[in-house]
Structure formats: C-alpha cells, structure tokens
Amino acid sequence: MKSRMVFSVVLALAAAFFFLKTGANEIDFEIKPVKDKPGNSIMAKNIKPNKQRQNGETESNESDGTNGTNELTTKAIKERINYLSLSKRSVYECEEEINHLPDPDYWFYRYKTHDPAVSEEYQDNTGFGNGAYVRHSSPSKGHKAGYIVKDLISNREQLFMPAYTWMKWYILPKIRIDTNMFYYYDTTSVCRIDIFDFAENLVKSEIIKVHDFFNSNSEGYHGEYISQFNNIFLQKVMPFSLDSLAAINPEYKSFSDKNCRVDISVFWYGECEMWLDNIIVENEVAYDFFGDNPDKTRYHSYQKWLDWGIPLISRQGNILSIYEDGLEICNLPFLEKLDYELNRRSEKNIVLEPAISSLILYAHLKEYKNQFISLLQLKKLFSKKTDIKNLAFDKYSFNGL
C-alpha cells in the first residue's frame, strides 16, 4: 500500500509538471483514467498462443468470456504483433527549408547544416524524383567537395537502449547519380557516409563508388534513387549497418543528455553529379518488416503473423483495440503499416491504440530554435497518417496483465 501511495504521488507530480510545461491551452482532448467498476472497465489481456497449427504456427483458443460476462471491453496485446512494435525507423530528410519537406510537421527529422558551397536545394521533377525536393551537388555548378548535410536535429533517438541495444541497425541513404557517369567497373568515389558517436568520434565510414550503383536485377543503372548498394565482386547487396547501438553510445549515456553529438553526415567528393533525398535509419526488425532486406524470409514470416493473428483477435467477442505500449515517433512507420493491416484484415472493427512515451519524445528533441512539441502536436503526429483516434500518454495501469 505504501509503495502504491508513493507511486501515485510521483505520478501526480509528473503529470502536473507535464501539464505546466505544455500549457493548458495546448490540450484539446481528454485523457480518461482507467476505472475498476464492473460495466465500464477496460482490461488489458495478453492473448497467448496455446494451440498448435499444422503449419507450425500457433493460435489462441482463449476467449474473453470472463470480460464479456462482466460487460467489460478488452484491449488486446498480441505477443507477436507486440514484437513487431520493436520496429524503429527514422527518416532524416536532407532538405533545408521546412516548407520543402514531405511533411513540415516533422521538421525535426532533418539536418541543421547545409553548406551552399557543396550543394543546393533542388526540386527533382524527373520521373525518379516526382517533384520531391532534394540536395543537388554538381561540378558544373561550381560546387566544391564537402559535407552535403551534417548535424542532425533529432540525433538522440538511437540512444534509447532497452531491448534494441544489441539489434543490428541499418543506414540507408537515398541517392542517385548522373547516368552518363555510370560504368560497371568505375571506381570513382561519389560520396561517403560518416557515422559519429556520442562524443563526436568517427566510428564508421562507408565510401560509395560509381560501380556500387549497378543493379544486377535491372542489368545496369538507369538514374533511379537507390538506398542499398551492390558489391559487384560479391554480386550482392551490401547495406551499411552497425552491429549494435553500443557503437554510437559506448558509455551508455542517457538519451536525455543534450551534449549528444551523434551524427550521420554525407560527404561529397566533387567528382560527379549527385542527388541526395533522405537517410533512413532502422533496426533489424524494421528492416525485415518493411521488406528492405533482400532476403524476404522474415518478411514473409511477419506477414503470416498478421494473416492469422489479426483475424484471431477480431473473433474475440469484446475486444475493443490492440494496445501497444511505450512507443516513440520512430515507431510511427510501424503504426502506420499496422493500422493499414488492421483496417484491411479486420474490416475496421478493431482499432489501434498506442501508448506514447511522452518523456522519451521530449528528450529526443533538443531545444532547437525555441521549437517544442506540445501534447496537441503529439496527437497530430500520431493520428494524421493513421485512423488512430485514442492515444494514451505514458503507461496506463491496466488490470489483467
């Protein structure tokens, strides 16, 4: 009892601080507390697999009869879908102007430094660019070798190191070059991806050469943007990766430490024309879940999980939503895809309800030109790309877990 009282006091103080920090006028939606009265409770339940199927998968034959008898609705936590929620993906745009971003509301997913001597803001109206703004570097325009982009604004997302620490992480820069430069064995250096750790030490560099753009599937290169480059000698895609997050945070510094100097910079050698759109950073679960891995084995396995998992949940009588806990903005691509799959496979009778870790969200964003994210903005970020209507901030203490 005493520990519960202490927890309640701490939670109340944290909530008060959070409210004062964001401002009352910025909250336009209600966060309802969980109640323990029969008839209106919301109980969370983990649907555990306990029946073996012929194909090696398992399914649940557990019903929500207990909840239904007591007229309770249920929030489901499906173990395998919950595992997929580990998918973390950050898309760092290289445009300088906020109004040139694909979505200006995500202004923090970009860089602070864009050297005009090295590149220019450019609208790529080719069939490859489809009107998107990118950074363009060209010797014919007098651009000099140097960093096209550096100094990430939101550079602490990969410092949060719970279960993700020892996962492999992939760095996928979206680049295209002039086809007139392309030759199968051309060793001309196009650019270099430099990865810096918390203390600004260079931990990894990858040089991209002209011959790396060769696509064995299309038998050449035709000017398209690519983000995974081919080793012509091994005849396979060799994505840039880090073995774990310990590479950029070897001393396990806090993700709230504003002295963080983690960066993923792109250096242009000035030898050929180049266009740079964005850089995706994602962990190995996301790499498979989104189909970026050329080896589709896990991708197809994950699709099977959704094939039988979502219909299974939709057959449970009183299930109201699928609940995912402790999510961040870099989980948004996962939420967008899962929301789509829920709508498609359950005929919209089950909704997705994420619990957002607001403190982690704030910590990831350094004070940049006095820009902050309010609760209202968080709601917008998590709902504009999905049908999500209900958000829980931080953790709800559900019964039944």
Protein backbone atom coordinates (compact mmCIF):
# COMPACT_ATOMS: atom_id res chain seq x y z
CA MET A 1 0.00 0.00 0.00
CA LYS A 2 2.79 2.40 0.93
CA SER A 3 4.62 1.81 -2.35
CA ARG A 4 1.40 2.40 -4.29
CA MET A 5 0.86 5.69 -2.46
CA VAL A 6 4.42 6.80 -3.26
CA PHE A 7 3.93 5.85 -6.90
CA SER A 8 0.65 7.80 -7.03
CA VAL A 9 2.29 10.92 -5.60
CA VAL A 10 5.20 10.70 -8.06
CA LEU A 11 2.80 10.17 -10.96
CA ALA A 12 0.67 13.13 -9.89
CA LEU A 13 3.72 15.41 -9.65
CA ALA A 14 4.95 14.26 -13.06
CA ALA A 15 1.55 14.89 -14.58
CA ALA A 16 1.38 18.37 -13.03
CA PHE A 17 4.83 19.23 -14.34
CA PHE A 18 3.94 17.92 -17.78
CA PHE A 19 0.73 19.98 -17.82
CA LEU A 20 2.53 23.17 -16.83
CA LYS A 21 5.31 22.53 -19.33
CA THR A 22 2.95 22.19 -22.29
CA GLY A 23 0.36 24.75 -21.26
CA ALA A 24 -3.33 24.25 -20.63
CA ASN A 25 -4.36 25.88 -23.89
CA GLU A 26 -2.44 23.25 -25.86
CA ILE A 27 -4.54 20.30 -24.63
CA ASP A 28 -7.76 19.91 -26.58
CA PHE A 29 -8.51 16.24 -25.97
CA GLU A 30 -9.39 14.23 -22.92
CA ILE A 31 -7.26 11.51 -21.40
CA LYS A 32 -9.63 9.31 -19.43
CA PRO A 33 -8.45 7.38 -16.37
CA VAL A 34 -9.00 3.64 -16.09
CA LYS A 35 -11.81 2.66 -13.72
CA ASP A 36 -12.27 -0.60 -11.84
CA LYS A 37 -16.08 -0.63 -11.70
CA PRO A 38 -17.90 -3.52 -13.42
CA GLY A 39 -19.65 -2.50 -16.59
CA ASN A 40 -17.27 0.22 -17.69
CA SER A 41 -13.78 -1.14 -17.03
CA ILE A 42 -11.20 -1.55 -19.74
CA MET A 43 -8.99 -4.54 -19.11
CA ALA A 44 -5.86 -5.41 -20.99
CA LYS A 45 -5.32 -9.02 -21.90
CA ASN A 46 -2.45 -10.89 -23.47
CA ILE A 47 -3.83 -13.41 -25.95
CA LYS A 48 -1.35 -16.24 -25.63
CA PRO A 49 -0.91 -18.92 -28.28
CA ASN A 50 -1.80 -22.35 -26.96
CA LYS A 51 -2.96 -24.36 -29.94
CA GLN A 52 -0.51 -25.81 -32.45
CA ARG A 53 -1.42 -25.48 -36.11
CA GLN A 54 -0.36 -27.81 -38.89
CA ASN A 55 1.88 -25.19 -40.50
CA GLY A 56 3.92 -24.81 -37.33
CA GLU A 57 2.24 -21.57 -36.24
CA THR A 58 0.21 -21.36 -33.06
CA GLU A 59 -3.06 -19.67 -32.33
CA SER A 60 -5.13 -18.86 -29.28
CA ASN A 61 -8.32 -20.65 -28.36
CA GLU A 62 -8.66 -18.45 -25.29
CA SER A 63 -11.83 -16.37 -25.31
CA ASP A 64 -12.68 -13.19 -23.47
CA GLY A 65 -15.62 -14.84 -21.76
CA THR A 66 -14.64 -13.51 -18.36
CA ASN A 67 -14.61 -9.95 -19.60
CA GLY A 68 -17.79 -10.43 -21.61
CA THR A 69 -19.62 -11.87 -18.60
CA ASN A 70 -18.72 -8.77 -16.61
CA GLU A 71 -19.59 -6.45 -19.51
CA LEU A 72 -16.01 -5.34 -19.93
CA THR A 73 -14.31 -4.37 -23.14
CA THR A 74 -10.81 -5.64 -23.77
CA LYS A 75 -7.60 -4.19 -25.11
CA ALA A 76 -5.55 -6.99 -26.65
CA ILE A 77 -1.79 -7.33 -26.58
CA LYS A 78 -0.82 -9.95 -29.14
CA GLU A 79 2.65 -11.28 -28.42
CA ARG A 80 3.90 -11.49 -31.99
CA ILE A 81 2.38 -8.19 -33.05
CA ASN A 82 3.88 -6.70 -29.92
CA TYR A 83 7.29 -7.98 -31.05
CA LEU A 84 6.82 -6.19 -34.38
CA SER A 85 6.30 -2.96 -32.44
CA LEU A 86 10.05 -3.05 -31.80
CA SER A 87 10.34 -1.77 -35.38
CA LYS A 88 12.05 1.61 -35.18
CA ARG A 89 12.61 3.68 -38.29
CA SER A 90 13.77 7.30 -38.59
CA VAL A 91 13.65 9.05 -41.97
CA TYR A 92 16.03 12.02 -41.91
CA GLU A 93 15.22 14.40 -44.75
CA CYS A 94 18.03 16.37 -46.37
CA GLU A 95 16.03 19.45 -47.41
CA GLU A 96 16.96 22.70 -45.71
CA GLU A 97 13.66 24.58 -45.99
CA ILE A 98 10.86 23.33 -43.75
CA ASN A 99 8.23 24.01 -46.42
CA HIS A 100 10.17 21.74 -48.79
CA LEU A 101 9.80 18.72 -46.51
CA PRO A 102 7.33 15.96 -47.44
CA ASP A 103 5.53 16.89 -44.21
CA PRO A 104 6.60 20.10 -42.40
CA ASP A 105 5.10 18.81 -39.12
CA TYR A 106 8.10 16.50 -38.91
CA TRP A 107 10.56 19.40 -39.09
CA PHE A 108 12.87 17.75 -36.53
CA TYR A 109 13.71 14.86 -38.88
CA ARG A 110 16.33 16.82 -40.81
CA TYR A 111 19.76 18.46 -40.56
CA LYS A 112 20.92 21.81 -39.26
CA THR A 113 23.86 22.33 -41.62
CA HIS A 114 23.62 22.52 -45.42
CA ASP A 115 26.71 24.08 -46.98
CA PRO A 116 25.66 26.08 -50.10
CA ALA A 117 29.20 25.70 -51.48
CA VAL A 118 28.65 21.93 -51.62
CA SER A 119 25.02 21.56 -52.69
CA GLU A 120 21.78 23.39 -53.41
CA GLU A 121 18.11 22.84 -52.67
CA TYR A 122 16.64 21.30 -55.80
CA GLN A 123 13.21 20.12 -56.91
CA ASP A 124 13.69 16.87 -58.77
CA ASN A 125 10.97 16.84 -61.43
CA THR A 126 12.34 13.81 -63.21
CA GLY A 127 10.44 10.54 -63.26
CA PHE A 128 12.71 9.42 -60.45
CA GLY A 129 12.18 12.41 -58.18
CA ASN A 130 8.46 13.04 -58.85
CA GLY A 131 8.77 16.67 -57.76
CA ALA A 132 10.40 15.99 -54.38
CA TYR A 133 12.95 18.47 -53.01
CA VAL A 134 16.45 17.08 -52.57
CA ARG A 135 20.05 18.29 -52.24
CA HIS A 136 21.86 18.54 -55.56
CA SER A 137 25.64 18.62 -55.97
CA SER A 138 27.23 19.21 -59.37
CA PRO A 139 30.78 20.11 -60.52
CA SER A 140 29.27 22.03 -63.44
CA LYS A 141 27.58 24.40 -60.97
CA GLY A 142 30.82 25.12 -59.16
CA HIS A 143 30.04 23.03 -56.09
CA LYS A 144 33.09 22.03 -54.07
CA ALA A 145 33.78 18.79 -52.22
CA GLY A 146 32.49 18.77 -48.65
CA TYR A 147 29.62 17.76 -46.40
CA ILE A 148 26.22 18.00 -48.10
CA VAL A 149 24.41 17.57 -44.77
CA LYS A 150 25.53 17.22 -41.18
CA ASP A 151 24.34 17.93 -37.62
CA LEU A 152 21.10 16.02 -37.15
CA ILE A 153 18.45 17.91 -35.20
CA SER A 154 16.87 14.81 -33.65
CA ASN A 155 20.05 12.84 -33.02
CA ARG A 156 19.17 11.00 -29.82
CA GLU A 157 16.52 8.52 -30.92
CA GLN A 158 19.07 5.74 -31.21
CA LEU A 159 20.39 6.40 -27.69
CA PHE A 160 17.36 4.86 -26.02
CA MET A 161 18.79 1.39 -25.40
CA PRO A 162 16.43 -1.16 -23.86
CA ALA A 163 15.69 -4.27 -25.96
CA TYR A 164 17.01 -2.56 -29.09
CA THR A 165 20.59 -2.29 -27.89
CA TRP A 166 22.02 -5.43 -29.44
CA MET A 167 19.96 -5.36 -32.59
CA LYS A 168 21.64 -4.60 -35.86
CA TRP A 169 20.91 -1.15 -37.27
CA TYR A 170 20.86 -0.21 -40.95
CA ILE A 171 21.71 3.13 -42.57
CA LEU A 172 20.07 3.59 -45.98
CA PRO A 173 20.94 6.83 -47.84
CA LYS A 174 18.64 7.53 -50.81
CA ILE A 175 20.90 8.72 -53.65
CA ARG A 176 21.02 8.92 -57.41
CA ILE A 177 23.79 9.93 -59.83
CA ASP A 178 24.14 11.03 -63.44
CA THR A 179 23.78 8.01 -65.72
CA ASN A 180 26.46 9.45 -68.02
CA MET A 181 28.91 8.79 -65.23
CA PHE A 182 27.93 5.19 -64.76
CA TYR A 183 30.28 2.42 -65.79
CA TYR A 184 30.25 -1.09 -64.39
CA TYR A 185 33.83 -1.02 -63.08
CA ASP A 186 34.12 2.74 -62.44
CA THR A 187 35.83 3.23 -59.08
CA THR A 188 35.16 7.00 -58.91
CA SER A 189 34.13 7.99 -55.38
CA VAL A 190 30.67 9.54 -55.25
CA CYS A 191 30.17 10.23 -51.54
CA ARG A 192 30.98 8.99 -48.05
CA ILE A 193 28.68 8.24 -45.14
CA ASP A 194 30.32 9.18 -41.82
CA ILE A 195 28.83 7.97 -38.54
CA PHE A 196 29.84 9.77 -35.33
CA ASP A 197 29.23 8.59 -31.77
CA PHE A 198 28.03 10.45 -28.68
CA ALA A 199 31.41 12.15 -28.18
CA GLU A 200 31.72 13.02 -31.90
CA ASN A 201 34.28 10.28 -32.57
CA LEU A 202 34.15 8.85 -36.07
CA VAL A 203 33.08 5.20 -35.63
CA LYS A 204 32.41 4.19 -39.22
CA SER A 205 32.84 5.50 -42.78
CA GLU A 206 31.45 3.97 -45.94
CA ILE A 207 32.54 5.21 -49.36
CA ILE A 208 30.03 4.84 -52.19
CA LYS A 209 31.60 4.49 -55.64
CA VAL A 210 30.04 4.70 -59.09
CA HIS A 211 30.10 0.94 -59.64
CA ASP A 212 28.10 0.42 -56.42
CA PHE A 213 25.01 1.73 -58.24
CA PHE A 214 24.93 -1.28 -60.53
CA ASN A 215 21.68 -3.24 -60.16
CA SER A 216 22.01 -6.87 -61.13
CA ASN A 217 18.22 -7.25 -61.31
CA SER A 218 17.77 -4.48 -63.89
CA GLU A 219 21.13 -5.19 -65.52
CA GLY A 220 22.61 -1.78 -65.07
CA TYR A 221 21.76 1.62 -63.65
CA HIS A 222 19.15 3.96 -65.14
CA GLY A 223 19.28 7.04 -62.92
CA GLU A 224 16.91 5.91 -60.16
CA TYR A 225 17.34 6.60 -56.44
CA ILE A 226 18.73 3.65 -54.53
CA SER A 227 19.49 3.21 -50.84
CA GLN A 228 21.25 -0.16 -50.77
CA PHE A 229 24.34 -0.58 -52.86
CA ASN A 230 25.75 -3.59 -54.66
CA ASN A 231 29.12 -5.17 -54.23
CA ILE A 232 29.95 -6.03 -57.83
CA PHE A 233 32.60 -8.51 -56.76
CA LEU A 234 30.38 -10.46 -54.36
CA GLN A 235 27.30 -9.91 -56.57
CA LYS A 236 25.00 -9.00 -53.70
CA VAL A 237 23.59 -6.03 -51.82
CA MET A 238 25.83 -4.86 -49.00
CA PRO A 239 23.78 -2.47 -46.80
CA PHE A 240 25.55 -0.13 -44.39
CA SER A 241 24.98 -1.24 -40.82
CA LEU A 242 26.03 -1.04 -37.19
CA ASP A 243 26.26 -4.24 -35.18
CA SER A 244 24.58 -2.57 -32.20
CA LEU A 245 23.75 0.81 -30.68
CA ALA A 246 26.76 0.42 -28.42
CA ALA A 247 28.83 1.60 -31.39
CA ILE A 248 27.42 5.12 -31.10
CA ASN A 249 26.88 5.12 -27.34
CA PRO A 250 29.74 3.08 -25.87
CA GLU A 251 29.48 4.70 -22.42
CA TYR A 252 25.70 4.24 -22.25
CA LYS A 253 24.95 7.93 -21.89
CA SER A 254 21.36 8.94 -21.17
CA PHE A 255 19.09 9.70 -24.13
CA SER A 256 18.18 12.92 -22.32
CA ASP A 257 21.78 14.20 -22.39
CA LYS A 258 21.85 17.34 -24.57
CA ASN A 259 25.60 17.01 -25.10
CA CYS A 260 24.98 14.21 -27.57
CA ARG A 261 26.98 14.62 -30.81
CA VAL A 262 25.72 11.54 -32.64
CA ASP A 263 25.55 12.30 -36.34
CA ILE A 264 25.22 10.67 -39.76
CA SER A 265 26.89 13.03 -42.23
CA VAL A 266 27.20 12.79 -46.01
CA PHE A 267 30.44 13.93 -47.65
CA TRP A 268 30.52 14.58 -51.41
CA TYR A 269 33.82 14.10 -53.28
CA GLY A 270 33.02 16.57 -56.06
CA GLU A 271 33.72 14.06 -58.83
CA CYS A 272 30.24 13.52 -60.29
CA GLU A 273 26.70 14.89 -60.22
CA MET A 274 24.64 13.57 -57.31
CA TRP A 275 21.17 13.97 -55.77
CA LEU A 276 20.51 13.16 -52.08
CA ASP A 277 16.94 12.78 -50.82
CA ASN A 278 16.99 11.31 -47.30
CA ILE A 279 18.66 8.83 -44.96
CA ILE A 280 16.69 6.03 -43.31
CA VAL A 281 17.97 4.58 -40.04
CA GLU A 282 16.15 1.44 -38.88
CA ASN A 283 16.72 -1.60 -36.69
CA GLU A 284 16.70 -5.16 -37.94
CA VAL A 285 13.04 -5.80 -37.08
CA ALA A 286 12.01 -2.81 -39.22
CA TYR A 287 14.50 -3.84 -41.93
CA ASP A 288 12.62 -7.12 -42.31
CA PHE A 289 9.09 -5.88 -41.53
CA PHE A 290 9.17 -3.19 -44.23
CA GLY A 291 10.72 -5.54 -46.77
CA ASP A 292 14.01 -3.68 -47.11
CA ASN A 293 16.02 -6.85 -46.56
CA PRO A 294 16.73 -8.51 -49.95
CA ASP A 295 16.28 -11.81 -48.11
CA LYS A 296 12.47 -11.89 -47.69
CA THR A 297 12.34 -14.90 -45.35
CA ARG A 298 11.45 -12.94 -42.20
CA TYR A 299 9.26 -10.51 -44.13
CA HIS A 300 7.05 -13.41 -45.25
CA SER A 301 7.02 -14.84 -41.71
CA TYR A 302 5.85 -11.50 -40.32
CA GLN A 303 3.11 -11.33 -42.95
CA LYS A 304 1.91 -14.77 -41.81
CA TRP A 305 1.75 -13.50 -38.24
CA LEU A 306 -0.62 -10.77 -39.41
CA ASP A 307 -2.55 -13.17 -41.68
CA TRP A 308 -3.74 -15.30 -38.78
CA GLY A 309 -3.13 -13.01 -35.80
CA ILE A 310 -5.46 -10.15 -36.72
CA PRO A 311 -8.46 -12.33 -37.71
CA LEU A 312 -7.92 -14.28 -34.47
CA ILE A 313 -8.19 -11.10 -32.41
CA SER A 314 -11.22 -9.88 -34.38
CA ARG A 315 -13.07 -13.10 -33.50
CA GLN A 316 -12.72 -12.38 -29.77
CA GLY A 317 -16.13 -11.05 -28.77
CA ASN A 318 -15.47 -7.94 -26.70
CA ILE A 319 -12.03 -6.84 -27.89
CA LEU A 320 -12.02 -3.10 -28.47
CA SER A 321 -8.48 -2.37 -29.63
CA ILE A 322 -4.91 -3.55 -29.97
CA TYR A 323 -2.77 -1.83 -27.38
CA GLU A 324 0.92 -1.04 -27.96
CA ASP A 325 2.96 0.47 -25.14
CA GLY A 326 5.90 2.89 -24.78
CA LEU A 327 6.09 3.99 -28.40
CA GLU A 328 8.13 6.81 -29.91
CA ILE A 329 7.93 8.88 -33.06
CA CYS A 330 10.33 6.48 -34.78
CA ASN A 331 7.64 3.80 -34.24
CA LEU A 332 5.23 5.77 -36.43
CA PRO A 333 6.08 3.92 -39.68
CA PHE A 334 5.26 0.66 -37.86
CA LEU A 335 1.98 2.09 -36.53
CA GLU A 336 1.02 3.35 -39.99
CA LYS A 337 1.59 -0.09 -41.52
CA LEU A 338 -0.11 -1.97 -38.66
CA ASP A 339 -3.09 0.39 -38.78
CA TYR A 340 -3.44 -0.31 -42.50
CA GLU A 341 -3.27 -4.07 -41.91
CA LEU A 342 -5.87 -3.87 -39.11
CA ASN A 343 -8.27 -1.96 -41.33
CA ARG A 344 -7.74 -4.35 -44.21
CA ARG A 345 -7.89 -7.63 -42.30
CA SER A 346 -10.47 -6.90 -39.59
CA GLU A 347 -12.86 -4.72 -41.60
CA LYS A 348 -12.19 -1.82 -39.22
CA ASN A 349 -13.87 -3.47 -36.23
CA ILE A 350 -10.60 -3.31 -34.26
CA VAL A 351 -8.67 -0.10 -33.76
CA LEU A 352 -5.09 0.55 -32.78
CA GLU A 353 -4.46 2.35 -29.50
CA PRO A 354 -0.81 3.24 -28.82
CA ALA A 355 0.60 4.42 -25.52
CA ILE A 356 3.09 7.18 -26.20
CA SER A 357 6.15 7.66 -24.05
CA SER A 358 5.99 11.45 -23.91
CA LEU A 359 9.09 11.91 -21.76
CA ILE A 360 11.18 9.99 -24.27
CA LEU A 361 9.73 12.05 -27.12
CA TYR A 362 10.69 15.30 -25.43
CA ALA A 363 14.14 14.05 -24.54
CA HIS A 364 14.92 13.17 -28.14
CA LEU A 365 14.35 16.75 -29.24
CA LYS A 366 16.98 19.24 -28.23
CA GLU A 367 15.88 22.85 -27.85
CA TYR A 368 16.22 23.89 -31.46
CA LYS A 369 15.36 27.49 -32.29
CA ASN A 370 12.88 27.51 -29.39
CA GLN A 371 10.71 24.88 -31.08
CA PHE A 372 8.93 22.43 -28.80
CA ILE A 373 6.27 19.77 -29.29
CA SER A 374 3.04 20.16 -27.34
CA LEU A 375 0.53 17.44 -26.46
CA LEU A 376 -1.69 18.69 -29.26
CA GLN A 377 1.15 18.38 -31.74
CA LEU A 378 1.96 14.88 -30.50
CA LYS A 379 -1.63 13.88 -31.05
CA LYS A 380 -1.47 15.26 -34.58
CA LEU A 381 1.79 13.46 -35.38
CA PHE A 382 0.41 10.11 -34.27
CA SER A 383 -3.02 10.43 -35.86
CA LYS A 384 -2.57 12.24 -39.19
CA LYS A 385 -1.20 9.22 -41.07
CA THR A 386 -3.49 6.65 -39.47
CA ASP A 387 -7.05 6.16 -38.24
CA ILE A 388 -5.83 6.30 -34.65
CA LYS A 389 -8.34 8.18 -32.51
CA ASN A 390 -7.24 7.28 -28.97
CA LEU A 391 -3.83 7.92 -27.51
CA ALA A 392 -2.53 7.03 -24.07
CA PHE A 393 0.40 9.12 -22.85
CA ASP A 394 2.97 7.13 -20.94
CA LYS A 395 1.69 3.95 -19.22
CA TYR A 396 -1.83 3.02 -18.22
CA SER A 397 -2.06 0.67 -15.23
CA PHE A 398 -4.45 -1.88 -16.71
CA ASN A 399 -5.72 -4.85 -14.74
CA GLY A 400 -5.43 -8.35 -16.13
CA LEU A 401 -1.87 -8.19 -17.48
